[in-house]
Amino acid sequence: MTTIKEARQLAGLTQKAAAELLEIPKRTLENWEEGHRAPKPWVQRLIIKELLEIAARK
């Protein structure tokens, strides 16, 4: 399964840009990517789906 970090990188977004796009705090995204915390599974799936759709449009 693709991680949030991998999907963000495929979309060509920085953490700051992804956080702004997803309307979540940058620190939250950092914590998820670094493995300090994890989003609920359904949240993770939605975020990855959104980021992969952005990557596909490039």
N, C-alpha and C. Protein backbone atom coordinates (compact mmCIF):
# COMPACT_ATOMS: atom_id res chain seq x y z
N MET A 1 0.84 -1.18 0.00
CA MET A 1 0.00 0.00 0.00
C MET A 1 0.89 1.25 0.00
N THR A 2 0.47 2.23 -0.73
CA THR A 2 1.18 3.49 -0.81
C THR A 2 1.00 4.25 0.50
N THR A 3 2.08 4.88 0.96
CA THR A 3 1.99 5.69 2.17
C THR A 3 1.60 7.12 1.80
N ILE A 4 1.22 7.88 2.81
CA ILE A 4 0.88 9.28 2.59
C ILE A 4 2.10 10.02 2.02
N LYS A 5 3.27 9.75 2.58
CA LYS A 5 4.49 10.41 2.11
C LYS A 5 4.76 10.09 0.65
N GLU A 6 4.65 8.81 0.29
CA GLU A 6 4.88 8.41 -1.11
C GLU A 6 3.89 9.08 -2.04
N ALA A 7 2.62 9.11 -1.65
CA ALA A 7 1.60 9.73 -2.49
C ALA A 7 1.85 11.23 -2.63
N ARG A 8 2.26 11.87 -1.55
CA ARG A 8 2.57 13.31 -1.60
C ARG A 8 3.72 13.57 -2.55
N GLN A 9 4.76 12.76 -2.45
CA GLN A 9 5.92 12.93 -3.32
C GLN A 9 5.57 12.67 -4.78
N LEU A 10 4.74 11.66 -5.05
CA LEU A 10 4.29 11.40 -6.41
C LEU A 10 3.50 12.58 -6.97
N ALA A 11 2.76 13.25 -6.09
CA ALA A 11 1.98 14.42 -6.50
C ALA A 11 2.87 15.65 -6.70
N GLY A 12 4.12 15.55 -6.26
CA GLY A 12 5.05 16.66 -6.42
C GLY A 12 4.80 17.80 -5.46
N LEU A 13 4.27 17.48 -4.28
CA LEU A 13 3.94 18.51 -3.31
C LEU A 13 4.89 18.49 -2.12
N THR A 14 5.17 19.66 -1.60
CA THR A 14 5.90 19.75 -0.35
C THR A 14 4.93 19.44 0.78
N GLN A 15 5.47 19.24 1.98
CA GLN A 15 4.58 19.02 3.13
C GLN A 15 3.69 20.23 3.32
N LYS A 16 4.25 21.41 3.18
CA LYS A 16 3.47 22.64 3.38
C LYS A 16 2.34 22.72 2.36
N ALA A 17 2.66 22.48 1.09
CA ALA A 17 1.64 22.56 0.03
C ALA A 17 0.55 21.50 0.24
N ALA A 18 0.94 20.29 0.60
CA ALA A 18 -0.04 19.23 0.82
C ALA A 18 -0.93 19.55 2.01
N ALA A 19 -0.34 20.06 3.08
CA ALA A 19 -1.12 20.41 4.27
C ALA A 19 -2.13 21.50 3.93
N GLU A 20 -1.71 22.49 3.16
CA GLU A 20 -2.64 23.56 2.76
C GLU A 20 -3.75 23.01 1.88
N LEU A 21 -3.39 22.16 0.92
CA LEU A 21 -4.37 21.57 0.02
C LEU A 21 -5.40 20.73 0.77
N LEU A 22 -4.90 19.94 1.72
CA LEU A 22 -5.77 19.04 2.48
C LEU A 22 -6.44 19.72 3.68
N GLU A 23 -6.03 20.96 3.93
CA GLU A 23 -6.58 21.75 5.04
C GLU A 23 -6.35 21.06 6.39
N ILE A 24 -5.11 20.60 6.59
CA ILE A 24 -4.71 20.03 7.87
C ILE A 24 -3.43 20.73 8.31
N PRO A 25 -3.17 20.76 9.60
CA PRO A 25 -1.92 21.39 10.07
C PRO A 25 -0.69 20.66 9.52
N LYS A 26 0.31 21.42 9.14
CA LYS A 26 1.55 20.84 8.61
C LYS A 26 2.16 19.89 9.62
N ARG A 27 2.12 20.24 10.88
CA ARG A 27 2.71 19.39 11.92
C ARG A 27 2.01 18.03 11.98
N THR A 28 0.71 18.01 11.76
CA THR A 28 -0.03 16.74 11.74
C THR A 28 0.49 15.87 10.61
N LEU A 29 0.64 16.45 9.43
CA LEU A 29 1.17 15.71 8.29
C LEU A 29 2.58 15.20 8.58
N GLU A 30 3.40 16.04 9.17
CA GLU A 30 4.76 15.62 9.54
C GLU A 30 4.72 14.42 10.49
N ASN A 31 3.87 14.48 11.50
CA ASN A 31 3.75 13.39 12.47
C ASN A 31 3.32 12.09 11.79
N TRP A 32 2.39 12.17 10.85
CA TRP A 32 1.95 10.99 10.13
C TRP A 32 3.08 10.41 9.30
N GLU A 33 3.77 11.28 8.57
CA GLU A 33 4.83 10.81 7.69
C GLU A 33 6.01 10.24 8.47
N GLU A 34 6.29 10.77 9.63
CA GLU A 34 7.42 10.31 10.44
C GLU A 34 7.05 9.11 11.31
N GLY A 35 5.79 8.72 11.32
CA GLY A 35 5.35 7.56 12.08
C GLY A 35 5.11 7.82 13.56
N HIS A 36 5.10 9.10 13.97
CA HIS A 36 4.84 9.42 15.37
C HIS A 36 3.37 9.23 15.72
N ARG A 37 2.52 9.45 14.74
CA ARG A 37 1.08 9.28 14.89
C ARG A 37 0.55 8.70 13.59
N ALA A 38 -0.67 8.24 13.63
CA ALA A 38 -1.29 7.70 12.42
C ALA A 38 -2.73 8.19 12.33
N PRO A 39 -3.16 8.54 11.13
CA PRO A 39 -4.57 8.92 10.97
C PRO A 39 -5.45 7.68 11.04
N LYS A 40 -6.71 7.88 11.23
CA LYS A 40 -7.65 6.76 11.17
C LYS A 40 -7.52 6.14 9.77
N PRO A 41 -7.71 4.84 9.65
CA PRO A 41 -7.54 4.19 8.35
C PRO A 41 -8.36 4.81 7.22
N TRP A 42 -9.60 5.20 7.50
CA TRP A 42 -10.43 5.79 6.45
C TRP A 42 -9.90 7.16 6.04
N VAL A 43 -9.32 7.90 6.98
CA VAL A 43 -8.74 9.20 6.66
C VAL A 43 -7.50 8.99 5.78
N GLN A 44 -6.69 8.03 6.14
CA GLN A 44 -5.49 7.74 5.37
C GLN A 44 -5.84 7.37 3.93
N ARG A 45 -6.85 6.52 3.76
CA ARG A 45 -7.26 6.12 2.41
C ARG A 45 -7.73 7.32 1.59
N LEU A 46 -8.50 8.22 2.19
CA LEU A 46 -8.99 9.39 1.46
C LEU A 46 -7.84 10.32 1.07
N ILE A 47 -6.90 10.53 1.98
CA ILE A 47 -5.76 11.41 1.69
C ILE A 47 -4.92 10.82 0.57
N ILE A 48 -4.61 9.54 0.66
CA ILE A 48 -3.80 8.91 -0.38
C ILE A 48 -4.52 8.96 -1.72
N LYS A 49 -5.82 8.70 -1.73
CA LYS A 49 -6.60 8.75 -2.96
C LYS A 49 -6.51 10.14 -3.59
N GLU A 50 -6.70 11.16 -2.79
CA GLU A 50 -6.65 12.54 -3.29
C GLU A 50 -5.27 12.86 -3.87
N LEU A 51 -4.23 12.50 -3.15
CA LEU A 51 -2.87 12.79 -3.61
C LEU A 51 -2.52 12.02 -4.88
N LEU A 52 -2.96 10.77 -4.98
CA LEU A 52 -2.70 9.99 -6.19
C LEU A 52 -3.47 10.52 -7.38
N GLU A 53 -4.66 11.07 -7.16
CA GLU A 53 -5.41 11.69 -8.25
C GLU A 53 -4.66 12.93 -8.77
N ILE A 54 -4.07 13.68 -7.86
CA ILE A 54 -3.28 14.84 -8.26
C ILE A 54 -2.06 14.37 -9.06
N ALA A 55 -1.41 13.32 -8.60
CA ALA A 55 -0.24 12.79 -9.31
C ALA A 55 -0.61 12.32 -10.70
N ALA A 56 -1.78 11.71 -10.85
CA ALA A 56 -2.21 11.19 -12.15
C ALA A 56 -2.48 12.31 -13.15
N ARG A 57 -2.85 13.48 -12.66
CA ARG A 57 -3.14 14.61 -13.55
C ARG A 57 -1.87 15.27 -14.08
N LYS A 58 -0.73 14.92 -13.50
CA LYS A 58 0.53 15.56 -13.92
C LYS A 58 1.12 14.90 -15.13
